[in-house]
Amino acid sequence: MKIKILAEGGNLTPGPGLSQKLGPAGLNLNQVIQKVNEATSEFKGLKVPVELDVNPSTKTFEIMVFSPPSSELIKKELGIEKGSGTQAKVKIANVSIESVISVAKSKFPNMLAKNFKSAVKSIAGTCTSLGILIESKSPIEVQQEIDEGKYDSEINGEKTETSEEKKKILEEFFSEIKKKQEVVLKQEQAAKESETEKAQEKAPEKVEGKK
């Protein structure tokens, strides 16, 4: 039988969900945790898909560790814990095409992409859902530019290092984006508070019943 787990690399801990999955197989919980943590130690801080191939008669198991999801690799590359959550409004980072290529190199062996260029394009697409800009543009625009061959030199050369000059340009652009976002968010918050106050003013006062 096969048991699938999404574990934090090197840090799988006991819990009701894990116990429910392992219980029917009769496996030793502590032994599984120890072995999985050893097998996923190189992915510390990342969510990693793990599959246990269990022999019910001998209560033994083999561990298969799969590549973390693209979103997890992107977050590790950028040193962030989570995506935007409101990606249409709030952007959380501005990365270089080299950073996208770096993630694609890590993920490519486990992807269904027909070639490395397609893998890079796929990783760029994942940046959309996380609220991440690429080269100071929307990931959708960058995907189109990948198709047009704009980044062929970087992709074919599997370039993963971003120059300090480019990093500075990307950071300056994103700094302006953050300022604009903060203004918009403050305006939205003020509007919400105003609406709440108006609603409270319109609410009828509670009238005490006669005795």
N, C-alpha and C. Protein backbone atom coordinates (compact mmCIF):
# COMPACT_ATOMS: atom_id res chain seq x y z
N MET A 1 0.84 -1.19 0.00
CA MET A 1 0.00 0.00 0.00
C MET A 1 0.88 1.25 0.00
N LYS A 2 0.33 2.32 -0.53
CA LYS A 2 1.09 3.57 -0.62
C LYS A 2 0.41 4.64 0.23
N ILE A 3 1.22 5.37 0.97
CA ILE A 3 0.73 6.45 1.82
C ILE A 3 1.42 7.74 1.40
N LYS A 4 0.63 8.77 1.09
CA LYS A 4 1.20 10.04 0.65
C LYS A 4 1.15 11.06 1.78
N ILE A 5 2.26 11.78 1.94
CA ILE A 5 2.39 12.78 3.00
C ILE A 5 3.00 14.05 2.40
N LEU A 6 2.52 15.20 2.86
CA LEU A 6 3.18 16.47 2.52
C LEU A 6 3.89 16.92 3.79
N ALA A 7 5.21 16.77 3.80
CA ALA A 7 5.98 17.02 5.02
C ALA A 7 6.86 18.25 4.89
N GLU A 8 7.08 18.92 6.01
CA GLU A 8 8.07 20.00 6.01
C GLU A 8 9.44 19.35 6.07
N GLY A 9 10.30 19.74 5.14
CA GLY A 9 11.60 19.10 5.02
C GLY A 9 12.38 19.03 6.33
N GLY A 10 12.72 17.82 6.76
CA GLY A 10 13.51 17.63 7.97
C GLY A 10 12.79 17.93 9.25
N ASN A 11 11.47 18.19 9.17
CA ASN A 11 10.76 18.60 10.38
C ASN A 11 9.33 18.04 10.44
N LEU A 12 9.17 16.77 10.06
CA LEU A 12 7.87 16.12 10.21
C LEU A 12 7.64 15.87 11.69
N THR A 13 6.46 16.22 12.18
CA THR A 13 6.15 16.06 13.60
C THR A 13 4.87 15.25 13.79
N PRO A 14 4.68 14.65 14.97
CA PRO A 14 3.46 13.86 15.23
C PRO A 14 2.22 14.75 15.19
N GLY A 15 1.12 14.17 14.79
CA GLY A 15 -0.14 14.90 14.75
C GLY A 15 -1.28 13.96 14.41
N PRO A 16 -2.52 14.37 14.66
CA PRO A 16 -3.69 13.51 14.38
C PRO A 16 -3.77 13.07 12.93
N GLY A 17 -3.50 13.99 12.00
CA GLY A 17 -3.58 13.66 10.58
C GLY A 17 -2.60 12.58 10.19
N LEU A 18 -1.37 12.70 10.69
CA LEU A 18 -0.34 11.71 10.38
C LEU A 18 -0.69 10.36 11.01
N SER A 19 -1.18 10.39 12.23
CA SER A 19 -1.55 9.14 12.92
C SER A 19 -2.66 8.41 12.18
N GLN A 20 -3.63 9.16 11.66
CA GLN A 20 -4.74 8.56 10.92
C GLN A 20 -4.25 7.87 9.64
N LYS A 21 -3.24 8.47 9.00
CA LYS A 21 -2.71 7.88 7.77
C LYS A 21 -1.89 6.63 8.04
N LEU A 22 -1.10 6.67 9.11
CA LEU A 22 -0.19 5.56 9.39
C LEU A 22 -0.83 4.44 10.20
N GLY A 23 -1.86 4.77 10.97
CA GLY A 23 -2.51 3.79 11.84
C GLY A 23 -2.94 2.51 11.15
N PRO A 24 -3.71 2.58 10.05
CA PRO A 24 -4.17 1.36 9.38
C PRO A 24 -3.04 0.47 8.88
N ALA A 25 -1.87 1.07 8.63
CA ALA A 25 -0.73 0.28 8.12
C ALA A 25 0.05 -0.37 9.25
N GLY A 26 -0.24 0.03 10.49
CA GLY A 26 0.45 -0.56 11.63
C GLY A 26 1.91 -0.17 11.74
N LEU A 27 2.26 1.01 11.20
CA LEU A 27 3.66 1.45 11.23
C LEU A 27 3.97 2.16 12.55
N ASN A 28 5.24 2.09 12.93
CA ASN A 28 5.71 2.78 14.11
C ASN A 28 5.85 4.27 13.78
N LEU A 29 5.05 5.10 14.44
CA LEU A 29 5.00 6.53 14.12
C LEU A 29 6.36 7.20 14.27
N ASN A 30 7.03 6.95 15.37
CA ASN A 30 8.33 7.59 15.61
C ASN A 30 9.38 7.18 14.59
N GLN A 31 9.32 5.91 14.18
CA GLN A 31 10.28 5.42 13.19
C GLN A 31 10.05 6.10 11.84
N VAL A 32 8.78 6.24 11.46
CA VAL A 32 8.44 6.90 10.19
C VAL A 32 8.92 8.35 10.22
N ILE A 33 8.64 9.05 11.31
CA ILE A 33 9.05 10.45 11.43
C ILE A 33 10.56 10.59 11.30
N GLN A 34 11.30 9.72 11.98
CA GLN A 34 12.76 9.77 11.93
C GLN A 34 13.27 9.55 10.51
N LYS A 35 12.75 8.52 9.84
CA LYS A 35 13.22 8.19 8.50
C LYS A 35 12.85 9.27 7.48
N VAL A 36 11.63 9.81 7.58
CA VAL A 36 11.20 10.86 6.65
C VAL A 36 12.03 12.12 6.86
N ASN A 37 12.30 12.47 8.10
CA ASN A 37 13.11 13.66 8.38
C ASN A 37 14.53 13.51 7.85
N GLU A 38 15.07 12.31 7.93
CA GLU A 38 16.41 12.05 7.38
C GLU A 38 16.39 12.19 5.86
N ALA A 39 15.33 11.67 5.24
CA ALA A 39 15.24 11.66 3.78
C ALA A 39 14.96 13.05 3.20
N THR A 40 14.36 13.93 4.01
CA THR A 40 13.98 15.26 3.50
C THR A 40 14.82 16.38 4.09
N SER A 41 15.91 16.04 4.76
CA SER A 41 16.71 17.05 5.46
C SER A 41 17.25 18.15 4.55
N GLU A 42 17.48 17.83 3.27
CA GLU A 42 18.03 18.85 2.36
C GLU A 42 16.98 19.88 1.93
N PHE A 43 15.72 19.62 2.28
CA PHE A 43 14.65 20.55 1.90
C PHE A 43 14.11 21.31 3.11
N LYS A 44 14.97 21.64 4.05
CA LYS A 44 14.52 22.33 5.26
C LYS A 44 13.75 23.61 4.91
N GLY A 45 12.60 23.78 5.58
CA GLY A 45 11.80 24.97 5.35
C GLY A 45 10.84 24.87 4.19
N LEU A 46 10.87 23.74 3.47
CA LEU A 46 10.00 23.56 2.31
C LEU A 46 9.00 22.43 2.55
N LYS A 47 7.83 22.55 1.94
CA LYS A 47 6.85 21.47 1.97
C LYS A 47 7.22 20.47 0.88
N VAL A 48 7.40 19.22 1.26
CA VAL A 48 7.90 18.20 0.33
C VAL A 48 6.92 17.03 0.23
N PRO A 49 6.51 16.66 -0.99
CA PRO A 49 5.66 15.46 -1.16
C PRO A 49 6.47 14.20 -0.89
N VAL A 50 5.96 13.35 -0.02
CA VAL A 50 6.64 12.09 0.33
C VAL A 50 5.65 10.94 0.16
N GLU A 51 6.15 9.83 -0.38
CA GLU A 51 5.30 8.64 -0.54
C GLU A 51 5.96 7.46 0.18
N LEU A 52 5.17 6.79 1.02
CA LEU A 52 5.65 5.59 1.71
C LEU A 52 5.08 4.36 1.00
N ASP A 53 5.96 3.50 0.54
CA ASP A 53 5.55 2.23 -0.07
C ASP A 53 5.62 1.17 1.03
N VAL A 54 4.45 0.79 1.54
CA VAL A 54 4.38 -0.06 2.74
C VAL A 54 4.10 -1.52 2.40
N ASN A 55 4.83 -2.41 3.08
CA ASN A 55 4.55 -3.84 3.01
C ASN A 55 3.77 -4.20 4.28
N PRO A 56 2.44 -4.36 4.19
CA PRO A 56 1.61 -4.58 5.38
C PRO A 56 1.98 -5.83 6.18
N SER A 57 2.47 -6.85 5.49
CA SER A 57 2.76 -8.10 6.19
C SER A 57 4.01 -8.00 7.06
N THR A 58 5.00 -7.24 6.62
CA THR A 58 6.25 -7.11 7.38
C THR A 58 6.34 -5.79 8.15
N LYS A 59 5.38 -4.90 7.91
CA LYS A 59 5.37 -3.57 8.54
C LYS A 59 6.62 -2.76 8.20
N THR A 60 7.17 -3.02 7.02
CA THR A 60 8.33 -2.25 6.57
C THR A 60 7.89 -1.28 5.48
N PHE A 61 8.73 -0.30 5.20
CA PHE A 61 8.35 0.69 4.19
C PHE A 61 9.58 1.29 3.51
N GLU A 62 9.36 1.75 2.29
CA GLU A 62 10.38 2.48 1.55
C GLU A 62 9.88 3.90 1.34
N ILE A 63 10.80 4.85 1.36
CA ILE A 63 10.43 6.26 1.23
C ILE A 63 10.83 6.80 -0.14
N MET A 64 9.89 7.48 -0.78
CA MET A 64 10.17 8.18 -2.03
C MET A 64 9.93 9.66 -1.79
N VAL A 65 10.95 10.48 -2.04
CA VAL A 65 10.83 11.92 -1.85
C VAL A 65 10.75 12.59 -3.21
N PHE A 66 9.73 13.39 -3.40
CA PHE A 66 9.54 14.08 -4.67
C PHE A 66 9.95 15.55 -4.55
N SER A 67 10.12 16.18 -5.68
CA SER A 67 10.51 17.59 -5.69
C SER A 67 9.42 18.45 -5.07
N PRO A 68 9.79 19.44 -4.25
CA PRO A 68 8.79 20.34 -3.67
C PRO A 68 8.01 21.06 -4.78
N PRO A 69 6.78 21.51 -4.49
CA PRO A 69 6.01 22.27 -5.48
C PRO A 69 6.78 23.51 -5.93
N SER A 70 6.51 23.95 -7.15
CA SER A 70 7.20 25.13 -7.70
C SER A 70 7.07 26.33 -6.78
N SER A 71 5.89 26.51 -6.21
CA SER A 71 5.67 27.68 -5.34
C SER A 71 6.60 27.65 -4.14
N GLU A 72 6.86 26.45 -3.60
CA GLU A 72 7.76 26.33 -2.45
C GLU A 72 9.20 26.68 -2.84
N LEU A 73 9.62 26.23 -4.02
CA LEU A 73 10.98 26.52 -4.49
C LEU A 73 11.16 28.01 -4.75
N ILE A 74 10.12 28.65 -5.28
CA ILE A 74 10.18 30.09 -5.53
C ILE A 74 10.32 30.85 -4.21
N LYS A 75 9.51 30.45 -3.23
CA LYS A 75 9.57 31.12 -1.92
C LYS A 75 10.94 30.95 -1.27
N LYS A 76 11.53 29.76 -1.45
CA LYS A 76 12.87 29.54 -0.90
C LYS A 76 13.89 30.42 -1.62
N GLU A 77 13.79 30.51 -2.92
CA GLU A 77 14.70 31.33 -3.72
C GLU A 77 14.68 32.79 -3.27
N LEU A 78 13.47 33.26 -2.92
CA LEU A 78 13.31 34.67 -2.55
C LEU A 78 13.40 34.91 -1.04
N GLY A 79 13.42 33.82 -0.26
CA GLY A 79 13.49 33.99 1.18
C GLY A 79 12.21 34.52 1.79
N ILE A 80 11.06 34.12 1.22
CA ILE A 80 9.77 34.56 1.76
C ILE A 80 8.98 33.34 2.25
N GLU A 81 8.04 33.58 3.17
CA GLU A 81 7.30 32.47 3.77
C GLU A 81 5.99 32.18 3.06
N LYS A 82 5.37 33.20 2.47
CA LYS A 82 4.08 32.98 1.81
C LYS A 82 3.88 33.96 0.67
N GLY A 83 2.90 33.62 -0.19
CA GLY A 83 2.59 34.47 -1.32
C GLY A 83 1.73 35.65 -0.91
N SER A 84 1.28 36.40 -1.89
CA SER A 84 0.53 37.63 -1.63
C SER A 84 -0.82 37.38 -0.99
N GLY A 85 -1.58 36.43 -1.52
CA GLY A 85 -2.94 36.21 -1.04
C GLY A 85 -3.93 37.08 -1.77
N THR A 86 -3.50 38.27 -2.16
CA THR A 86 -4.32 39.17 -3.00
C THR A 86 -3.44 39.64 -4.16
N GLN A 87 -3.01 38.67 -4.96
CA GLN A 87 -2.00 38.93 -5.99
C GLN A 87 -2.39 39.98 -7.02
N ALA A 88 -3.70 40.18 -7.22
CA ALA A 88 -4.13 41.19 -8.18
C ALA A 88 -3.85 42.60 -7.67
N LYS A 89 -3.83 42.76 -6.34
CA LYS A 89 -3.62 44.08 -5.74
C LYS A 89 -2.22 44.27 -5.19
N VAL A 90 -1.74 43.23 -4.50
CA VAL A 90 -0.49 43.37 -3.74
C VAL A 90 0.62 42.48 -4.31
N LYS A 91 1.70 43.10 -4.71
CA LYS A 91 2.87 42.37 -5.18
C LYS A 91 3.88 42.27 -4.04
N ILE A 92 4.52 41.12 -3.92
CA ILE A 92 5.41 40.90 -2.78
C ILE A 92 6.89 40.86 -3.16
N ALA A 93 7.19 40.83 -4.45
CA ALA A 93 8.60 40.76 -4.86
C ALA A 93 8.73 41.11 -6.34
N ASN A 94 9.96 41.43 -6.73
CA ASN A 94 10.29 41.72 -8.12
C ASN A 94 11.58 40.98 -8.43
N VAL A 95 11.49 39.89 -9.18
CA VAL A 95 12.65 39.03 -9.38
C VAL A 95 13.20 39.13 -10.80
N SER A 96 14.41 38.65 -10.95
CA SER A 96 15.05 38.62 -12.26
C SER A 96 14.70 37.33 -13.00
N ILE A 97 14.89 37.34 -14.30
CA ILE A 97 14.67 36.12 -15.08
C ILE A 97 15.67 35.05 -14.64
N GLU A 98 16.84 35.49 -14.15
CA GLU A 98 17.84 34.53 -13.67
C GLU A 98 17.33 33.74 -12.46
N SER A 99 16.58 34.41 -11.58
CA SER A 99 16.01 33.72 -10.42
C SER A 99 14.98 32.69 -10.85
N VAL A 100 14.20 33.04 -11.87
CA VAL A 100 13.21 32.11 -12.40
C VAL A 100 13.90 30.90 -13.01
N ILE A 101 14.98 31.14 -13.72
CA ILE A 101 15.76 30.05 -14.33
C ILE A 101 16.35 29.14 -13.25
N SER A 102 16.80 29.74 -12.15
CA SER A 102 17.38 28.97 -11.04
C SER A 102 16.36 27.98 -10.48
N VAL A 103 15.12 28.45 -10.28
CA VAL A 103 14.06 27.58 -9.77
C VAL A 103 13.73 26.50 -10.80
N ALA A 104 13.67 26.89 -12.06
CA ALA A 104 13.35 25.93 -13.13
C ALA A 104 14.39 24.81 -13.18
N LYS A 105 15.66 25.14 -12.95
CA LYS A 105 16.72 24.12 -12.96
C LYS A 105 16.49 23.09 -11.85
N SER A 106 16.04 23.57 -10.69
CA SER A 106 15.79 22.66 -9.57
C SER A 106 14.60 21.76 -9.83
N LYS A 107 13.59 22.30 -10.50
CA LYS A 107 12.32 21.59 -10.68
C LYS A 107 12.27 20.78 -11.97
N PHE A 108 13.03 21.15 -12.97
CA PHE A 108 12.91 20.57 -14.31
C PHE A 108 12.92 19.04 -14.36
N PRO A 109 13.81 18.35 -13.60
CA PRO A 109 13.82 16.88 -13.68
C PRO A 109 12.50 16.22 -13.30
N ASN A 110 11.67 16.94 -12.52
CA ASN A 110 10.40 16.37 -12.08
C ASN A 110 9.19 17.00 -12.77
N MET A 111 9.45 17.77 -13.82
CA MET A 111 8.36 18.44 -14.53
C MET A 111 8.00 17.69 -15.80
N LEU A 112 6.79 17.95 -16.28
CA LEU A 112 6.34 17.36 -17.54
C LEU A 112 6.67 18.25 -18.73
N ALA A 113 7.37 19.34 -18.48
CA ALA A 113 7.70 20.28 -19.55
C ALA A 113 8.51 19.59 -20.65
N LYS A 114 8.21 19.93 -21.90
CA LYS A 114 8.88 19.26 -23.03
C LYS A 114 10.33 19.69 -23.19
N ASN A 115 10.67 20.89 -22.69
CA ASN A 115 12.05 21.35 -22.76
C ASN A 115 12.28 22.38 -21.64
N PHE A 116 13.53 22.81 -21.49
CA PHE A 116 13.86 23.70 -20.39
C PHE A 116 13.19 25.06 -20.53
N LYS A 117 13.05 25.52 -21.75
CA LYS A 117 12.38 26.81 -21.98
C LYS A 117 10.93 26.76 -21.49
N SER A 118 10.26 25.66 -21.75
CA SER A 118 8.88 25.48 -21.28
C SER A 118 8.83 25.44 -19.76
N ALA A 119 9.87 24.85 -19.15
CA ALA A 119 9.94 24.78 -17.69
C ALA A 119 10.07 26.18 -17.09
N VAL A 120 10.90 27.00 -17.71
CA VAL A 120 11.07 28.39 -17.24
C VAL A 120 9.75 29.15 -17.37
N LYS A 121 9.07 28.94 -18.47
CA LYS A 121 7.77 29.60 -18.68
C LYS A 121 6.76 29.15 -17.62
N SER A 122 6.79 27.88 -17.27
CA SER A 122 5.87 27.36 -16.26
C SER A 122 6.14 27.98 -14.89
N ILE A 123 7.42 28.10 -14.53
CA ILE A 123 7.77 28.71 -13.25
C ILE A 123 7.34 30.18 -13.23
N ALA A 124 7.50 30.84 -14.36
CA ALA A 124 7.04 32.24 -14.46
C ALA A 124 5.55 32.32 -14.20
N GLY A 125 4.80 31.34 -14.70
CA GLY A 125 3.36 31.31 -14.47
C GLY A 125 3.01 31.17 -13.00
N THR A 126 3.80 30.38 -12.28
CA THR A 126 3.56 30.20 -10.84
C THR A 126 3.75 31.51 -10.09
N CYS A 127 4.65 32.36 -10.59
CA CYS A 127 4.87 33.67 -9.95
C CYS A 127 3.60 34.52 -9.96
N THR A 128 2.74 34.30 -10.95
CA THR A 128 1.49 35.06 -11.03
C THR A 128 0.64 34.85 -9.79
N SER A 129 0.45 33.59 -9.41
CA SER A 129 -0.42 33.27 -8.28
C SER A 129 0.18 33.69 -6.94
N LEU A 130 1.49 33.92 -6.91
CA LEU A 130 2.15 34.34 -5.67
C LEU A 130 2.22 35.85 -5.53
N GLY A 131 1.91 36.57 -6.61
CA GLY A 131 1.99 38.03 -6.57
C GLY A 131 3.41 38.54 -6.74
N ILE A 132 4.17 37.89 -7.63
CA ILE A 132 5.57 38.24 -7.85
C ILE A 132 5.77 38.79 -9.26
N LEU A 133 6.43 39.93 -9.35
CA LEU A 133 6.79 40.51 -10.65
C LEU A 133 8.09 39.88 -11.13
N ILE A 134 8.26 39.85 -12.45
CA ILE A 134 9.51 39.36 -13.04
C ILE A 134 10.05 40.44 -13.96
N GLU A 135 11.27 40.86 -13.73
CA GLU A 135 11.88 41.92 -14.54
C GLU A 135 11.00 43.17 -14.57
N SER A 136 10.38 43.47 -13.42
CA SER A 136 9.50 44.64 -13.25
C SER A 136 8.25 44.59 -14.12
N LYS A 137 7.85 43.38 -14.52
CA LYS A 137 6.66 43.20 -15.36
C LYS A 137 5.79 42.10 -14.78
N SER A 138 4.57 42.02 -15.30
CA SER A 138 3.70 40.92 -14.88
C SER A 138 4.25 39.62 -15.46
N PRO A 139 4.13 38.51 -14.73
CA PRO A 139 4.61 37.22 -15.24
C PRO A 139 3.97 36.84 -16.57
N ILE A 140 2.72 37.25 -16.79
CA ILE A 140 2.04 36.93 -18.05
C ILE A 140 2.77 37.59 -19.22
N GLU A 141 3.19 38.84 -19.01
CA GLU A 141 3.94 39.55 -20.06
C GLU A 141 5.28 38.87 -20.30
N VAL A 142 5.93 38.43 -19.22
CA VAL A 142 7.23 37.76 -19.34
C VAL A 142 7.08 36.42 -20.05
N GLN A 143 5.99 35.71 -19.78
CA GLN A 143 5.74 34.44 -20.49
C GLN A 143 5.66 34.67 -22.00
N GLN A 144 5.00 35.75 -22.38
CA GLN A 144 4.91 36.08 -23.81
C GLN A 144 6.29 36.40 -24.37
N GLU A 145 7.09 37.12 -23.60
CA GLU A 145 8.45 37.46 -24.04
C GLU A 145 9.32 36.21 -24.14
N ILE A 146 9.08 35.24 -23.27
CA ILE A 146 9.82 33.97 -23.36
C ILE A 146 9.49 33.29 -24.68
N ASP A 147 8.21 33.27 -25.04
CA ASP A 147 7.79 32.68 -26.32
C ASP A 147 8.44 33.40 -27.49
N GLU A 148 8.59 34.72 -27.35
CA GLU A 148 9.15 35.53 -28.44
C GLU A 148 10.67 35.41 -28.52
N GLY A 149 11.29 34.77 -27.53
CA GLY A 149 12.73 34.55 -27.56
C GLY A 149 13.57 35.62 -26.89
N LYS A 150 12.93 36.54 -26.16
CA LYS A 150 13.68 37.64 -25.55
C LYS A 150 14.74 37.16 -24.57
N TYR A 151 14.47 36.06 -23.88
CA TYR A 151 15.40 35.57 -22.86
C TYR A 151 16.12 34.29 -23.28
N ASP A 152 16.17 34.04 -24.57
CA ASP A 152 16.80 32.80 -25.05
C ASP A 152 18.26 32.67 -24.60
N SER A 153 18.98 33.80 -24.60
CA SER A 153 20.39 33.76 -24.21
C SER A 153 20.54 33.29 -22.77
N GLU A 154 19.74 33.86 -21.87
CA GLU A 154 19.81 33.49 -20.46
C GLU A 154 19.33 32.05 -20.24
N ILE A 155 18.24 31.68 -20.93
CA ILE A 155 17.67 30.34 -20.74
C ILE A 155 18.59 29.26 -21.30
N ASN A 156 19.07 29.46 -22.52
CA ASN A 156 19.95 28.46 -23.13
C ASN A 156 21.27 28.32 -22.36
N GLY A 157 21.71 29.43 -21.77
CA GLY A 157 22.94 29.39 -20.98
C GLY A 157 22.70 29.00 -19.54
N GLU A 158 21.40 28.76 -19.20
CA GLU A 158 21.00 28.41 -17.83
C GLU A 158 21.63 29.36 -16.82
N LYS A 159 21.52 30.64 -17.13
CA LYS A 159 22.11 31.68 -16.28
C LYS A 159 21.28 31.86 -15.01
N THR A 160 21.90 31.71 -13.85
CA THR A 160 21.17 31.79 -12.58
C THR A 160 21.67 32.91 -11.67
N GLU A 161 22.72 33.60 -12.05
CA GLU A 161 23.27 34.67 -11.22
C GLU A 161 22.78 36.03 -11.72
N THR A 162 22.23 36.83 -10.82
CA THR A 162 21.75 38.16 -11.16
C THR A 162 22.82 39.18 -10.81
N SER A 163 23.14 40.07 -11.74
CA SER A 163 24.17 41.08 -11.49
C SER A 163 23.70 42.04 -10.40
N GLU A 164 24.65 42.61 -9.68
CA GLU A 164 24.32 43.57 -8.62
C GLU A 164 23.61 44.78 -9.20
N GLU A 165 24.01 45.18 -10.40
CA GLU A 165 23.37 46.33 -11.05
C GLU A 165 21.89 46.06 -11.31
N LYS A 166 21.61 44.86 -11.83
CA LYS A 166 20.20 44.52 -12.09
C LYS A 166 19.42 44.42 -10.79
N LYS A 167 20.02 43.81 -9.77
CA LYS A 167 19.34 43.70 -8.47
C LYS A 167 18.92 45.07 -7.96
N LYS A 168 19.82 46.05 -8.11
CA LYS A 168 19.53 47.40 -7.64
C LYS A 168 18.37 48.02 -8.41
N ILE A 169 18.36 47.81 -9.72
CA ILE A 169 17.29 48.36 -10.57
C ILE A 169 15.94 47.74 -10.18
N LEU A 170 15.93 46.42 -10.00
CA LEU A 170 14.70 45.72 -9.63
C LEU A 170 14.20 46.18 -8.25
N GLU A 171 15.13 46.35 -7.31
CA GLU A 171 14.76 46.78 -5.96
C GLU A 171 14.19 48.19 -5.96
N GLU A 172 14.80 49.09 -6.75
CA GLU A 172 14.31 50.47 -6.82
C GLU A 172 12.91 50.53 -7.42
N PHE A 173 12.68 49.73 -8.45
CA PHE A 173 11.35 49.70 -9.08
C PHE A 173 10.32 49.18 -8.09
N PHE A 174 10.68 48.10 -7.38
CA PHE A 174 9.74 47.50 -6.45
C PHE A 174 9.47 48.41 -5.26
N SER A 175 10.46 49.19 -4.86
CA SER A 175 10.27 50.14 -3.77
C SER A 175 9.16 51.13 -4.11
N GLU A 176 9.13 51.59 -5.36
CA GLU A 176 8.08 52.51 -5.80
C GLU A 176 6.72 51.81 -5.84
N ILE A 177 6.73 50.56 -6.27
CA ILE A 177 5.48 49.78 -6.31
C ILE A 177 4.90 49.64 -4.90
N LYS A 178 5.77 49.35 -3.93
CA LYS A 178 5.31 49.18 -2.54
C LYS A 178 4.70 50.47 -1.99
N LYS A 179 5.32 51.60 -2.33
CA LYS A 179 4.80 52.88 -1.86
C LYS A 179 3.38 53.11 -2.40
N LYS A 180 3.19 52.82 -3.69
CA LYS A 180 1.87 53.00 -4.31
C LYS A 180 0.85 52.05 -3.69
N GLN A 181 1.29 50.81 -3.43
CA GLN A 181 0.39 49.83 -2.82
C GLN A 181 -0.05 50.27 -1.44
N GLU A 182 0.89 50.81 -0.67
CA GLU A 182 0.57 51.25 0.69
C GLU A 182 -0.46 52.38 0.68
N VAL A 183 -0.33 53.29 -0.29
CA VAL A 183 -1.29 54.39 -0.41
C VAL A 183 -2.67 53.85 -0.71
N VAL A 184 -2.75 52.93 -1.67
CA VAL A 184 -4.04 52.34 -2.06
C VAL A 184 -4.67 51.58 -0.90
N LEU A 185 -3.86 50.79 -0.18
CA LEU A 185 -4.38 50.02 0.95
C LEU A 185 -4.90 50.93 2.06
N LYS A 186 -4.19 52.03 2.30
CA LYS A 186 -4.65 52.99 3.32
C LYS A 186 -5.97 53.63 2.91
N GLN A 187 -6.08 53.96 1.61
CA GLN A 187 -7.32 54.55 1.11
C GLN A 187 -8.49 53.57 1.26
N GLU A 188 -8.23 52.31 0.94
CA GLU A 188 -9.27 51.28 1.05
C GLU A 188 -9.68 51.08 2.51
N GLN A 189 -8.70 51.09 3.41
CA GLN A 189 -8.99 50.92 4.83
C GLN A 189 -9.82 52.09 5.35
N ALA A 190 -9.46 53.31 4.92
CA ALA A 190 -10.20 54.50 5.34
C ALA A 190 -11.64 54.45 4.84
N ALA A 191 -11.80 53.97 3.60
CA ALA A 191 -13.14 53.86 3.01
C ALA A 191 -13.99 52.85 3.78
N LYS A 192 -13.37 51.74 4.17
CA LYS A 192 -14.10 50.72 4.94
C LYS A 192 -14.54 51.26 6.30
N GLU A 193 -13.63 51.98 6.95
CA GLU A 193 -13.95 52.54 8.26
C GLU A 193 -15.07 53.56 8.16
N SER A 194 -15.05 54.34 7.07
CA SER A 194 -16.09 55.34 6.84
C SER A 194 -17.45 54.67 6.63
N GLU A 195 -17.45 53.59 5.86
CA GLU A 195 -18.70 52.85 5.61
C GLU A 195 -19.24 52.25 6.90
N THR A 196 -18.34 51.75 7.73
CA THR A 196 -18.76 51.16 9.01
C THR A 196 -19.40 52.21 9.91
N GLU A 197 -18.78 53.40 9.94
CA GLU A 197 -19.31 54.49 10.76
C GLU A 197 -20.70 54.91 10.28
N LYS A 198 -20.86 55.01 8.95
CA LYS A 198 -22.15 55.40 8.39
C LYS A 198 -23.22 54.36 8.71
N ALA A 199 -22.84 53.09 8.62
CA ALA A 199 -23.79 52.01 8.91
C ALA A 199 -24.23 52.06 10.37
N GLN A 200 -23.28 52.37 11.25
CA GLN A 200 -23.61 52.45 12.67
C GLN A 200 -24.52 53.63 12.97
N GLU A 201 -24.31 54.75 12.25
CA GLU A 201 -25.14 55.94 12.44
C GLU A 201 -26.57 55.69 11.98
N LYS A 202 -26.72 54.90 10.90
CA LYS A 202 -28.04 54.62 10.34
C LYS A 202 -28.79 53.56 11.13
N ALA A 203 -28.07 52.75 11.88
CA ALA A 203 -28.71 51.66 12.63
C ALA A 203 -29.69 52.22 13.65
N PRO A 204 -30.93 51.72 13.70
CA PRO A 204 -31.93 52.23 14.65
C PRO A 204 -31.53 51.92 16.08
N GLU A 205 -31.79 52.90 16.95
CA GLU A 205 -31.46 52.69 18.35
C GLU A 205 -32.41 51.68 18.96
N LYS A 206 -31.89 50.90 19.90
CA LYS A 206 -32.71 49.89 20.56
C LYS A 206 -33.66 50.57 21.54
N VAL A 207 -34.93 50.29 21.38
CA VAL A 207 -35.94 50.89 22.26
C VAL A 207 -36.34 49.87 23.32
N GLU A 208 -36.23 50.28 24.58
CA GLU A 208 -36.60 49.36 25.66
C GLU A 208 -38.10 49.18 25.71
N GLY A 209 -38.53 47.97 25.91
CA GLY A 209 -39.97 47.69 25.96
C GLY A 209 -40.62 48.26 27.21
N LYS A 210 -41.90 48.54 27.12
CA LYS A 210 -42.63 49.08 28.27
C LYS A 210 -42.82 47.98 29.30
N LYS A 211 -42.82 48.41 30.57
CA LYS A 211 -43.08 47.45 31.65
C LYS A 211 -44.56 47.23 31.83
